[in-house]
Amino acid sequence: MELPTSAHTSRPWRIHEIAPDFRVYDVWALPTPGGPDEFPRLVENFAGGDTGDNSSPVARLLFAIRWKLGKVLGWDDRDKGLGSRVPTLRDRLPQDLRDGPAGPEFTRLPFTSVYLREDEWAAEMANRTVHGVMHLSWVPDGAGGHRGQMAVLVKPNGLLGKAYMAAISPFRHLIVYPPLMRDIGRGWRESAPRA
């Protein structure tokens, strides 16, 4: 379920001090009910994800088109990403987070872990259009349990980045996120420990 931006900004997440120049674009309550210690499973599920696994053929097609455009137009070239066009957010980390774990490596998505805490994880990606952060957290669900929450923070790269974010907005909300939320819920149920 989509949430108001305040569902993210009102919480004391460390990402606020690290990426104050990023705008919160999307906040979602994830269909991942669980106990207080299940955040590591959510993080591992995300790190192993892939846009090609989306259950929606339309969403898979949109991702395939985006990756192809990125290749043809050079949006995703190495010199347009982290450490080239923009410094990694790890350079902004306070010492306690720098000394802690960054988080898992992604197997198929173009993200890099920034930091990992017991209830919060940030991963970043950058290309010619944007510098983006996926922020996952583990929050009380109001019914005695917990659930995941995902926020997407973005810093567009100039006019191209702003135009890109405006162009993909309806696709994100109408085509990409609904099946993604269903897939996250299904993956969560499938990864549950067997009794």
N, C-alpha and C. Protein backbone atom coordinates (compact mmCIF):
# COMPACT_ATOMS: atom_id res chain seq x y z
N MET A 1 0.84 -1.16 0.00
CA MET A 1 0.00 0.00 0.00
C MET A 1 0.90 1.25 0.00
N GLU A 2 0.57 2.20 -0.86
CA GLU A 2 1.33 3.44 -0.90
C GLU A 2 1.03 4.27 0.35
N LEU A 3 2.06 4.89 0.88
CA LEU A 3 1.94 5.67 2.10
C LEU A 3 2.31 7.13 1.83
N PRO A 4 1.87 8.05 2.70
CA PRO A 4 2.30 9.44 2.54
C PRO A 4 3.80 9.55 2.84
N THR A 5 4.41 10.57 2.30
CA THR A 5 5.84 10.81 2.52
C THR A 5 6.17 10.88 4.01
N SER A 6 5.24 11.40 4.80
CA SER A 6 5.49 11.54 6.24
C SER A 6 5.70 10.20 6.94
N ALA A 7 5.21 9.10 6.35
CA ALA A 7 5.45 7.78 6.95
C ALA A 7 6.94 7.46 6.98
N HIS A 8 7.68 8.08 6.09
CA HIS A 8 9.14 7.92 6.07
C HIS A 8 9.83 9.06 6.82
N THR A 9 9.44 10.29 6.51
CA THR A 9 10.16 11.45 7.07
C THR A 9 9.93 11.64 8.57
N SER A 10 8.83 11.11 9.11
CA SER A 10 8.56 11.28 10.53
C SER A 10 9.34 10.32 11.42
N ARG A 11 9.99 9.35 10.83
CA ARG A 11 10.75 8.37 11.62
C ARG A 11 12.21 8.79 11.72
N PRO A 12 12.89 8.38 12.78
CA PRO A 12 14.27 8.84 13.01
C PRO A 12 15.32 8.03 12.23
N TRP A 13 15.12 7.85 10.95
CA TRP A 13 16.05 7.07 10.15
C TRP A 13 17.36 7.84 9.96
N ARG A 14 18.44 7.12 9.89
CA ARG A 14 19.76 7.74 9.69
C ARG A 14 19.91 8.29 8.27
N ILE A 15 19.13 7.80 7.32
CA ILE A 15 19.24 8.29 5.95
C ILE A 15 18.94 9.78 5.86
N HIS A 16 18.15 10.32 6.80
CA HIS A 16 17.83 11.74 6.76
C HIS A 16 19.09 12.61 6.88
N GLU A 17 20.02 12.19 7.72
CA GLU A 17 21.25 12.98 7.90
C GLU A 17 22.24 12.74 6.77
N ILE A 18 22.12 11.62 6.09
CA ILE A 18 23.08 11.25 5.05
C ILE A 18 22.67 11.78 3.68
N ALA A 19 21.38 11.82 3.41
CA ALA A 19 20.91 12.24 2.09
C ALA A 19 19.85 13.34 2.19
N PRO A 20 20.15 14.46 2.88
CA PRO A 20 19.14 15.51 3.02
C PRO A 20 18.82 16.22 1.71
N ASP A 21 19.70 16.07 0.71
CA ASP A 21 19.52 16.72 -0.58
C ASP A 21 18.75 15.85 -1.58
N PHE A 22 18.26 14.70 -1.13
CA PHE A 22 17.47 13.80 -1.97
C PHE A 22 15.99 14.01 -1.65
N ARG A 23 15.15 13.86 -2.66
CA ARG A 23 13.70 14.00 -2.48
C ARG A 23 13.07 12.62 -2.34
N VAL A 24 12.14 12.49 -1.41
CA VAL A 24 11.40 11.24 -1.25
C VAL A 24 10.32 11.20 -2.34
N TYR A 25 10.42 10.21 -3.23
CA TYR A 25 9.47 10.07 -4.33
C TYR A 25 8.34 9.11 -4.00
N ASP A 26 8.65 8.01 -3.35
CA ASP A 26 7.65 6.98 -3.08
C ASP A 26 7.90 6.36 -1.71
N VAL A 27 6.80 6.03 -1.01
CA VAL A 27 6.88 5.30 0.25
C VAL A 27 5.80 4.22 0.20
N TRP A 28 6.19 3.00 0.52
CA TRP A 28 5.26 1.86 0.44
C TRP A 28 5.33 1.01 1.71
N ALA A 29 4.16 0.60 2.19
CA ALA A 29 4.09 -0.43 3.22
C ALA A 29 4.21 -1.76 2.47
N LEU A 30 5.16 -2.56 2.87
CA LEU A 30 5.39 -3.83 2.17
C LEU A 30 4.55 -4.95 2.76
N PRO A 31 4.06 -5.85 1.92
CA PRO A 31 3.26 -6.99 2.41
C PRO A 31 4.16 -8.07 3.01
N THR A 32 4.84 -7.71 4.08
CA THR A 32 5.83 -8.60 4.69
C THR A 32 5.63 -8.66 6.20
N PRO A 33 4.50 -9.19 6.66
CA PRO A 33 4.28 -9.25 8.10
C PRO A 33 5.27 -10.19 8.78
N GLY A 34 5.73 -9.78 9.95
CA GLY A 34 6.67 -10.64 10.65
C GLY A 34 6.93 -10.19 12.06
N GLY A 35 7.88 -10.88 12.65
CA GLY A 35 8.27 -10.57 14.02
C GLY A 35 9.39 -9.54 14.05
N PRO A 36 9.80 -9.16 15.25
CA PRO A 36 10.77 -8.08 15.40
C PRO A 36 12.15 -8.39 14.81
N ASP A 37 12.49 -9.67 14.63
CA ASP A 37 13.84 -10.03 14.19
C ASP A 37 13.92 -10.50 12.73
N GLU A 38 12.90 -10.20 11.93
CA GLU A 38 12.88 -10.73 10.56
C GLU A 38 13.38 -9.76 9.49
N PHE A 39 13.90 -8.63 9.89
CA PHE A 39 14.40 -7.67 8.90
C PHE A 39 15.52 -8.25 8.03
N PRO A 40 16.46 -9.02 8.57
CA PRO A 40 17.52 -9.57 7.71
C PRO A 40 16.98 -10.39 6.53
N ARG A 41 15.88 -11.09 6.73
CA ARG A 41 15.29 -11.87 5.63
C ARG A 41 14.77 -10.94 4.54
N LEU A 42 14.16 -9.82 4.92
CA LEU A 42 13.67 -8.85 3.94
C LEU A 42 14.84 -8.29 3.12
N VAL A 43 15.92 -7.94 3.79
CA VAL A 43 17.09 -7.40 3.12
C VAL A 43 17.64 -8.41 2.11
N GLU A 44 17.77 -9.66 2.52
CA GLU A 44 18.29 -10.70 1.62
C GLU A 44 17.37 -10.90 0.42
N ASN A 45 16.07 -10.87 0.64
CA ASN A 45 15.12 -11.01 -0.48
C ASN A 45 15.32 -9.89 -1.49
N PHE A 46 15.50 -8.67 -1.03
CA PHE A 46 15.68 -7.54 -1.94
C PHE A 46 17.01 -7.62 -2.67
N ALA A 47 18.06 -7.99 -1.97
CA ALA A 47 19.39 -8.06 -2.59
C ALA A 47 19.44 -9.11 -3.69
N GLY A 48 18.60 -10.12 -3.60
CA GLY A 48 18.57 -11.17 -4.62
C GLY A 48 17.55 -10.93 -5.72
N GLY A 49 16.86 -9.79 -5.68
CA GLY A 49 15.79 -9.52 -6.65
C GLY A 49 16.31 -9.17 -8.04
N ASP A 50 15.37 -9.16 -8.98
CA ASP A 50 15.69 -8.86 -10.37
C ASP A 50 14.45 -8.31 -11.07
N THR A 51 14.60 -7.28 -11.89
CA THR A 51 13.45 -6.73 -12.62
C THR A 51 12.87 -7.75 -13.60
N GLY A 52 13.67 -8.71 -14.03
CA GLY A 52 13.18 -9.74 -14.94
C GLY A 52 12.27 -10.75 -14.27
N ASP A 53 12.20 -10.70 -12.93
CA ASP A 53 11.34 -11.63 -12.18
C ASP A 53 9.93 -11.08 -11.98
N ASN A 54 9.68 -9.84 -12.39
CA ASN A 54 8.37 -9.23 -12.17
C ASN A 54 7.29 -10.08 -12.81
N SER A 55 6.20 -10.32 -12.08
CA SER A 55 5.13 -11.19 -12.59
C SER A 55 4.31 -10.55 -13.70
N SER A 56 4.44 -9.25 -13.88
CA SER A 56 3.70 -8.55 -14.92
C SER A 56 4.50 -8.50 -16.21
N PRO A 57 3.97 -9.07 -17.30
CA PRO A 57 4.69 -8.98 -18.58
C PRO A 57 4.89 -7.54 -19.03
N VAL A 58 3.92 -6.68 -18.74
CA VAL A 58 4.04 -5.27 -19.13
C VAL A 58 5.18 -4.61 -18.36
N ALA A 59 5.25 -4.86 -17.05
CA ALA A 59 6.33 -4.28 -16.25
C ALA A 59 7.68 -4.82 -16.71
N ARG A 60 7.77 -6.12 -17.01
CA ARG A 60 9.03 -6.69 -17.51
C ARG A 60 9.43 -6.02 -18.82
N LEU A 61 8.45 -5.78 -19.70
CA LEU A 61 8.72 -5.12 -20.97
C LEU A 61 9.24 -3.70 -20.73
N LEU A 62 8.61 -2.96 -19.81
CA LEU A 62 9.07 -1.60 -19.51
C LEU A 62 10.50 -1.60 -19.00
N PHE A 63 10.82 -2.55 -18.11
CA PHE A 63 12.19 -2.63 -17.60
C PHE A 63 13.16 -2.98 -18.73
N ALA A 64 12.78 -3.90 -19.59
CA ALA A 64 13.64 -4.28 -20.71
C ALA A 64 13.90 -3.09 -21.63
N ILE A 65 12.85 -2.31 -21.89
CA ILE A 65 13.00 -1.11 -22.71
C ILE A 65 13.93 -0.11 -22.03
N ARG A 66 13.74 0.07 -20.71
CA ARG A 66 14.60 1.01 -19.97
C ARG A 66 16.06 0.58 -20.02
N TRP A 67 16.34 -0.72 -19.81
CA TRP A 67 17.73 -1.18 -19.83
C TRP A 67 18.32 -1.03 -21.23
N LYS A 68 17.52 -1.28 -22.27
CA LYS A 68 17.99 -1.14 -23.64
C LYS A 68 18.28 0.33 -23.96
N LEU A 69 17.37 1.22 -23.58
CA LEU A 69 17.60 2.66 -23.79
C LEU A 69 18.86 3.12 -23.06
N GLY A 70 19.03 2.65 -21.84
CA GLY A 70 20.21 3.01 -21.06
C GLY A 70 21.49 2.58 -21.75
N LYS A 71 21.45 1.42 -22.37
CA LYS A 71 22.63 0.92 -23.08
C LYS A 71 22.89 1.73 -24.34
N VAL A 72 21.85 1.95 -25.13
CA VAL A 72 21.99 2.68 -26.39
C VAL A 72 22.40 4.13 -26.16
N LEU A 73 21.78 4.78 -25.17
CA LEU A 73 22.05 6.20 -24.92
C LEU A 73 23.21 6.44 -23.94
N GLY A 74 23.78 5.37 -23.42
CA GLY A 74 24.91 5.50 -22.51
C GLY A 74 24.56 5.97 -21.12
N TRP A 75 23.27 5.88 -20.74
CA TRP A 75 22.86 6.35 -19.42
C TRP A 75 23.50 5.55 -18.29
N ASP A 76 23.75 4.27 -18.55
CA ASP A 76 24.20 3.38 -17.49
C ASP A 76 25.69 3.04 -17.58
N ASP A 77 26.42 3.76 -18.43
CA ASP A 77 27.86 3.50 -18.55
C ASP A 77 28.54 3.72 -17.21
N ARG A 78 29.63 3.02 -16.99
CA ARG A 78 30.34 3.10 -15.71
C ARG A 78 30.73 4.54 -15.34
N ASP A 79 31.10 5.33 -16.35
CA ASP A 79 31.52 6.70 -16.04
C ASP A 79 30.36 7.63 -15.73
N LYS A 80 29.14 7.11 -15.73
CA LYS A 80 27.95 7.90 -15.39
C LYS A 80 27.41 7.53 -14.01
N GLY A 81 28.09 6.61 -13.32
CA GLY A 81 27.56 6.09 -12.07
C GLY A 81 28.32 6.49 -10.83
N LEU A 82 28.21 5.63 -9.82
CA LEU A 82 28.85 5.87 -8.53
C LEU A 82 30.37 5.90 -8.67
N GLY A 83 30.97 6.85 -7.99
CA GLY A 83 32.41 6.97 -8.02
C GLY A 83 32.94 7.68 -9.25
N SER A 84 32.06 7.97 -10.20
CA SER A 84 32.46 8.69 -11.41
C SER A 84 31.68 10.00 -11.49
N ARG A 85 30.39 9.90 -11.86
CA ARG A 85 29.56 11.10 -11.96
C ARG A 85 29.23 11.64 -10.57
N VAL A 86 28.96 10.75 -9.64
CA VAL A 86 28.65 11.16 -8.27
C VAL A 86 29.43 10.30 -7.28
N PRO A 87 29.82 10.90 -6.15
CA PRO A 87 30.47 10.08 -5.11
C PRO A 87 29.43 9.21 -4.42
N THR A 88 29.89 8.10 -3.92
CA THR A 88 29.00 7.21 -3.18
C THR A 88 28.57 7.87 -1.87
N LEU A 89 27.38 7.54 -1.42
CA LEU A 89 26.89 8.04 -0.13
C LEU A 89 27.71 7.48 1.03
N ARG A 90 28.45 6.42 0.80
CA ARG A 90 29.31 5.88 1.87
C ARG A 90 30.32 6.93 2.31
N ASP A 91 30.67 7.85 1.39
CA ASP A 91 31.61 8.92 1.75
C ASP A 91 31.01 9.89 2.76
N ARG A 92 29.68 9.92 2.87
CA ARG A 92 28.99 10.83 3.79
C ARG A 92 28.71 10.20 5.16
N LEU A 93 28.95 8.91 5.28
CA LEU A 93 28.55 8.22 6.51
C LEU A 93 29.32 8.71 7.72
N PRO A 94 28.62 8.87 8.86
CA PRO A 94 29.32 9.12 10.11
C PRO A 94 30.11 7.86 10.50
N GLN A 95 31.05 8.02 11.37
CA GLN A 95 31.96 6.93 11.69
C GLN A 95 31.26 5.66 12.15
N ASP A 96 30.20 5.79 12.97
CA ASP A 96 29.55 4.57 13.48
C ASP A 96 28.95 3.74 12.35
N LEU A 97 28.38 4.39 11.33
CA LEU A 97 27.84 3.64 10.20
C LEU A 97 28.94 3.15 9.27
N ARG A 98 29.98 3.93 9.12
CA ARG A 98 31.11 3.52 8.28
C ARG A 98 31.78 2.28 8.85
N ASP A 99 31.84 2.20 10.19
CA ASP A 99 32.46 1.04 10.84
C ASP A 99 31.54 -0.18 10.85
N GLY A 100 30.26 0.02 10.62
CA GLY A 100 29.30 -1.08 10.62
C GLY A 100 29.20 -1.73 9.24
N PRO A 101 28.35 -2.73 9.11
CA PRO A 101 28.20 -3.42 7.84
C PRO A 101 27.51 -2.54 6.79
N ALA A 102 27.93 -2.67 5.55
CA ALA A 102 27.28 -1.94 4.45
C ALA A 102 25.98 -2.65 4.08
N GLY A 103 25.98 -3.96 4.18
CA GLY A 103 24.83 -4.74 3.75
C GLY A 103 25.24 -5.68 2.65
N PRO A 104 24.32 -6.50 2.18
CA PRO A 104 24.67 -7.51 1.18
C PRO A 104 24.94 -6.90 -0.20
N GLU A 105 25.65 -7.67 -1.01
CA GLU A 105 25.85 -7.28 -2.39
C GLU A 105 24.63 -7.72 -3.20
N PHE A 106 24.25 -6.93 -4.17
CA PHE A 106 23.15 -7.28 -5.05
C PHE A 106 23.65 -8.27 -6.10
N THR A 107 22.82 -9.22 -6.42
CA THR A 107 23.23 -10.21 -7.40
C THR A 107 22.89 -9.81 -8.82
N ARG A 108 21.77 -9.06 -9.02
CA ARG A 108 21.38 -8.75 -10.39
C ARG A 108 20.93 -7.31 -10.62
N LEU A 109 20.68 -6.55 -9.60
CA LEU A 109 20.23 -5.17 -9.76
C LEU A 109 21.41 -4.21 -9.63
N PRO A 110 21.33 -3.02 -10.26
CA PRO A 110 22.45 -2.09 -10.25
C PRO A 110 22.53 -1.22 -8.99
N PHE A 111 22.39 -1.85 -7.83
CA PHE A 111 22.47 -1.14 -6.56
C PHE A 111 23.71 -1.56 -5.79
N THR A 112 24.16 -0.67 -4.92
CA THR A 112 25.27 -0.94 -4.03
C THR A 112 24.81 -0.60 -2.61
N SER A 113 25.04 -1.50 -1.68
CA SER A 113 24.66 -1.25 -0.29
C SER A 113 25.46 -0.10 0.29
N VAL A 114 24.80 0.74 1.09
CA VAL A 114 25.44 1.89 1.72
C VAL A 114 25.66 1.60 3.21
N TYR A 115 24.61 1.22 3.92
CA TYR A 115 24.75 0.86 5.33
C TYR A 115 23.58 -0.04 5.73
N LEU A 116 23.81 -0.78 6.79
CA LEU A 116 22.81 -1.70 7.32
C LEU A 116 22.77 -1.58 8.83
N ARG A 117 21.56 -1.40 9.36
CA ARG A 117 21.33 -1.40 10.80
C ARG A 117 20.30 -2.48 11.12
N GLU A 118 19.94 -2.63 12.38
CA GLU A 118 19.01 -3.68 12.76
C GLU A 118 17.61 -3.47 12.19
N ASP A 119 17.25 -2.25 11.83
CA ASP A 119 15.90 -1.99 11.31
C ASP A 119 15.90 -1.04 10.11
N GLU A 120 17.06 -0.86 9.48
CA GLU A 120 17.17 0.12 8.40
C GLU A 120 18.30 -0.28 7.45
N TRP A 121 18.04 -0.18 6.16
CA TRP A 121 19.06 -0.49 5.15
C TRP A 121 18.93 0.48 4.00
N ALA A 122 20.04 0.99 3.54
CA ALA A 122 20.04 1.89 2.38
C ALA A 122 20.97 1.32 1.32
N ALA A 123 20.50 1.37 0.08
CA ALA A 123 21.30 0.97 -1.08
C ALA A 123 21.13 2.07 -2.13
N GLU A 124 22.17 2.27 -2.92
CA GLU A 124 22.14 3.36 -3.89
C GLU A 124 22.49 2.88 -5.29
N MET A 125 22.08 3.70 -6.26
CA MET A 125 22.48 3.50 -7.64
C MET A 125 22.58 4.88 -8.27
N ALA A 126 23.38 4.98 -9.31
CA ALA A 126 23.49 6.25 -10.03
C ALA A 126 23.73 5.95 -11.50
N ASN A 127 23.17 6.80 -12.32
CA ASN A 127 23.39 6.73 -13.76
C ASN A 127 23.32 8.15 -14.31
N ARG A 128 23.18 8.27 -15.61
CA ARG A 128 23.17 9.60 -16.23
C ARG A 128 21.95 10.42 -15.83
N THR A 129 20.85 9.76 -15.44
CA THR A 129 19.60 10.47 -15.15
C THR A 129 19.43 10.83 -13.68
N VAL A 130 19.81 9.94 -12.77
CA VAL A 130 19.54 10.15 -11.35
C VAL A 130 20.61 9.52 -10.47
N HIS A 131 20.60 9.95 -9.21
CA HIS A 131 21.27 9.25 -8.12
C HIS A 131 20.12 8.85 -7.20
N GLY A 132 19.91 7.56 -7.02
CA GLY A 132 18.76 7.10 -6.26
C GLY A 132 19.14 6.26 -5.06
N VAL A 133 18.25 6.26 -4.08
CA VAL A 133 18.43 5.46 -2.87
C VAL A 133 17.17 4.64 -2.64
N MET A 134 17.35 3.37 -2.41
CA MET A 134 16.27 2.51 -1.94
C MET A 134 16.49 2.34 -0.44
N HIS A 135 15.53 2.76 0.34
CA HIS A 135 15.63 2.68 1.80
C HIS A 135 14.59 1.70 2.30
N LEU A 136 15.05 0.63 2.92
CA LEU A 136 14.15 -0.35 3.53
C LEU A 136 14.23 -0.20 5.04
N SER A 137 13.09 -0.37 5.68
CA SER A 137 13.06 -0.30 7.14
C SER A 137 12.07 -1.34 7.66
N TRP A 138 12.16 -1.59 8.94
CA TRP A 138 11.33 -2.57 9.62
C TRP A 138 10.57 -1.83 10.71
N VAL A 139 9.25 -1.73 10.55
CA VAL A 139 8.46 -0.87 11.42
C VAL A 139 7.34 -1.66 12.10
N PRO A 140 6.89 -1.21 13.28
CA PRO A 140 5.72 -1.83 13.91
C PRO A 140 4.51 -1.66 13.00
N ASP A 141 3.67 -2.69 12.94
CA ASP A 141 2.50 -2.64 12.04
C ASP A 141 1.23 -2.14 12.72
N GLY A 142 1.30 -1.81 14.01
CA GLY A 142 0.13 -1.32 14.73
C GLY A 142 -0.75 -2.42 15.27
N ALA A 143 -0.41 -3.67 14.97
CA ALA A 143 -1.21 -4.81 15.45
C ALA A 143 -0.36 -5.80 16.24
N GLY A 144 0.77 -5.34 16.76
CA GLY A 144 1.63 -6.20 17.57
C GLY A 144 2.74 -6.87 16.79
N GLY A 145 2.79 -6.70 15.48
CA GLY A 145 3.84 -7.29 14.66
C GLY A 145 4.67 -6.21 13.99
N HIS A 146 5.37 -6.60 12.96
CA HIS A 146 6.21 -5.69 12.19
C HIS A 146 5.98 -5.95 10.70
N ARG A 147 6.45 -5.02 9.89
CA ARG A 147 6.40 -5.17 8.44
C ARG A 147 7.49 -4.29 7.84
N GLY A 148 7.79 -4.56 6.59
CA GLY A 148 8.76 -3.75 5.88
C GLY A 148 8.13 -2.47 5.35
N GLN A 149 8.97 -1.49 5.16
CA GLN A 149 8.56 -0.24 4.54
C GLN A 149 9.68 0.16 3.58
N MET A 150 9.31 0.59 2.39
CA MET A 150 10.29 0.98 1.39
C MET A 150 10.06 2.44 1.00
N ALA A 151 11.16 3.19 0.98
CA ALA A 151 11.12 4.57 0.49
C ALA A 151 12.12 4.68 -0.65
N VAL A 152 11.73 5.43 -1.67
CA VAL A 152 12.61 5.69 -2.80
C VAL A 152 12.96 7.17 -2.78
N LEU A 153 14.25 7.46 -2.65
CA LEU A 153 14.75 8.83 -2.60
C LEU A 153 15.56 9.07 -3.87
N VAL A 154 15.38 10.23 -4.47
CA VAL A 154 16.03 10.50 -5.75
C VAL A 154 16.60 11.91 -5.79
N LYS A 155 17.76 12.01 -6.41
CA LYS A 155 18.36 13.29 -6.74
C LYS A 155 18.54 13.29 -8.26
N PRO A 156 17.61 13.94 -8.99
CA PRO A 156 17.72 13.95 -10.45
C PRO A 156 18.98 14.67 -10.92
N ASN A 157 19.51 14.24 -12.06
CA ASN A 157 20.69 14.86 -12.65
C ASN A 157 20.24 15.88 -13.69
N GLY A 158 20.10 17.13 -13.27
CA GLY A 158 19.77 18.21 -14.19
C GLY A 158 18.41 18.06 -14.84
N LEU A 159 18.26 18.72 -15.98
CA LEU A 159 16.99 18.70 -16.70
C LEU A 159 16.65 17.31 -17.22
N LEU A 160 17.67 16.56 -17.67
CA LEU A 160 17.42 15.20 -18.14
C LEU A 160 16.83 14.35 -17.02
N GLY A 161 17.39 14.44 -15.83
CA GLY A 161 16.90 13.67 -14.70
C GLY A 161 15.49 14.05 -14.29
N LYS A 162 15.22 15.35 -14.28
CA LYS A 162 13.87 15.81 -13.92
C LYS A 162 12.85 15.35 -14.96
N ALA A 163 13.21 15.46 -16.24
CA ALA A 163 12.30 15.01 -17.30
C ALA A 163 12.09 13.50 -17.22
N TYR A 164 13.15 12.76 -16.94
CA TYR A 164 13.06 11.31 -16.82
C TYR A 164 12.12 10.92 -15.68
N MET A 165 12.29 11.55 -14.51
CA MET A 165 11.43 11.22 -13.38
C MET A 165 9.97 11.57 -13.66
N ALA A 166 9.73 12.69 -14.33
CA ALA A 166 8.36 13.07 -14.68
C ALA A 166 7.76 12.08 -15.67
N ALA A 167 8.58 11.64 -16.64
CA ALA A 167 8.09 10.73 -17.67
C ALA A 167 7.73 9.35 -17.10
N ILE A 168 8.50 8.87 -16.13
CA ILE A 168 8.24 7.52 -15.63
C ILE A 168 7.23 7.48 -14.49
N SER A 169 6.83 8.63 -13.96
CA SER A 169 5.92 8.66 -12.82
C SER A 169 4.64 7.85 -13.02
N PRO A 170 3.89 8.04 -14.10
CA PRO A 170 2.66 7.25 -14.24
C PRO A 170 2.94 5.76 -14.39
N PHE A 171 4.03 5.40 -15.04
CA PHE A 171 4.38 3.99 -15.22
C PHE A 171 4.73 3.34 -13.88
N ARG A 172 5.46 4.09 -13.03
CA ARG A 172 5.82 3.56 -11.71
C ARG A 172 4.58 3.21 -10.91
N HIS A 173 3.64 4.13 -10.86
CA HIS A 173 2.48 3.96 -9.99
C HIS A 173 1.40 3.06 -10.56
N LEU A 174 1.25 3.02 -11.87
CA LEU A 174 0.18 2.22 -12.48
C LEU A 174 0.62 0.84 -12.92
N ILE A 175 1.88 0.71 -13.36
CA ILE A 175 2.31 -0.55 -13.97
C ILE A 175 3.36 -1.29 -13.17
N VAL A 176 4.31 -0.56 -12.59
CA VAL A 176 5.44 -1.22 -11.93
C VAL A 176 5.15 -1.61 -10.48
N TYR A 177 4.69 -0.65 -9.67
CA TYR A 177 4.54 -0.92 -8.24
C TYR A 177 3.46 -1.95 -7.89
N PRO A 178 2.27 -1.93 -8.49
CA PRO A 178 1.27 -2.93 -8.08
C PRO A 178 1.75 -4.38 -8.19
N PRO A 179 2.31 -4.82 -9.35
CA PRO A 179 2.78 -6.21 -9.37
C PRO A 179 4.03 -6.41 -8.52
N LEU A 180 4.84 -5.37 -8.38
CA LEU A 180 6.02 -5.49 -7.53
C LEU A 180 5.61 -5.78 -6.09
N MET A 181 4.59 -5.10 -5.60
CA MET A 181 4.12 -5.34 -4.23
C MET A 181 3.59 -6.77 -4.09
N ARG A 182 2.85 -7.24 -5.08
CA ARG A 182 2.37 -8.63 -5.03
C ARG A 182 3.55 -9.61 -5.03
N ASP A 183 4.55 -9.34 -5.87
CA ASP A 183 5.72 -10.23 -5.95
C ASP A 183 6.52 -10.21 -4.64
N ILE A 184 6.63 -9.05 -4.01
CA ILE A 184 7.33 -8.96 -2.73
C ILE A 184 6.60 -9.80 -1.69
N GLY A 185 5.27 -9.70 -1.67
CA GLY A 185 4.48 -10.50 -0.73
C GLY A 185 4.63 -11.98 -0.97
N ARG A 186 4.59 -12.39 -2.24
CA ARG A 186 4.75 -13.81 -2.57
C ARG A 186 6.14 -14.30 -2.18
N GLY A 187 7.17 -13.51 -2.51
CA GLY A 187 8.54 -13.89 -2.15
C GLY A 187 8.73 -13.99 -0.64
N TRP A 188 8.05 -13.09 0.08
CA TRP A 188 8.12 -13.12 1.53
C TRP A 188 7.52 -14.42 2.08
N ARG A 189 6.36 -14.77 1.58
CA ARG A 189 5.72 -16.01 2.05
C ARG A 189 6.58 -17.23 1.69
N GLU A 190 7.14 -17.24 0.50
CA GLU A 190 7.95 -18.38 0.06
C GLU A 190 9.27 -18.50 0.83
N SER A 191 9.79 -17.38 1.31
CA SER A 191 11.07 -17.43 2.02
C SER A 191 10.90 -17.66 3.53
N ALA A 192 9.65 -17.77 3.97
CA ALA A 192 9.39 -17.97 5.41
C ALA A 192 10.00 -19.28 5.88
N PRO A 193 10.60 -19.27 7.05
CA PRO A 193 11.16 -20.53 7.60
C PRO A 193 10.06 -21.58 7.76
N ARG A 194 10.38 -22.78 7.45
CA ARG A 194 9.42 -23.89 7.59
C ARG A 194 9.31 -24.29 9.05
N ALA A 195 8.07 -24.53 9.49
CA ALA A 195 7.84 -24.92 10.89
C ALA A 195 8.22 -26.36 11.10
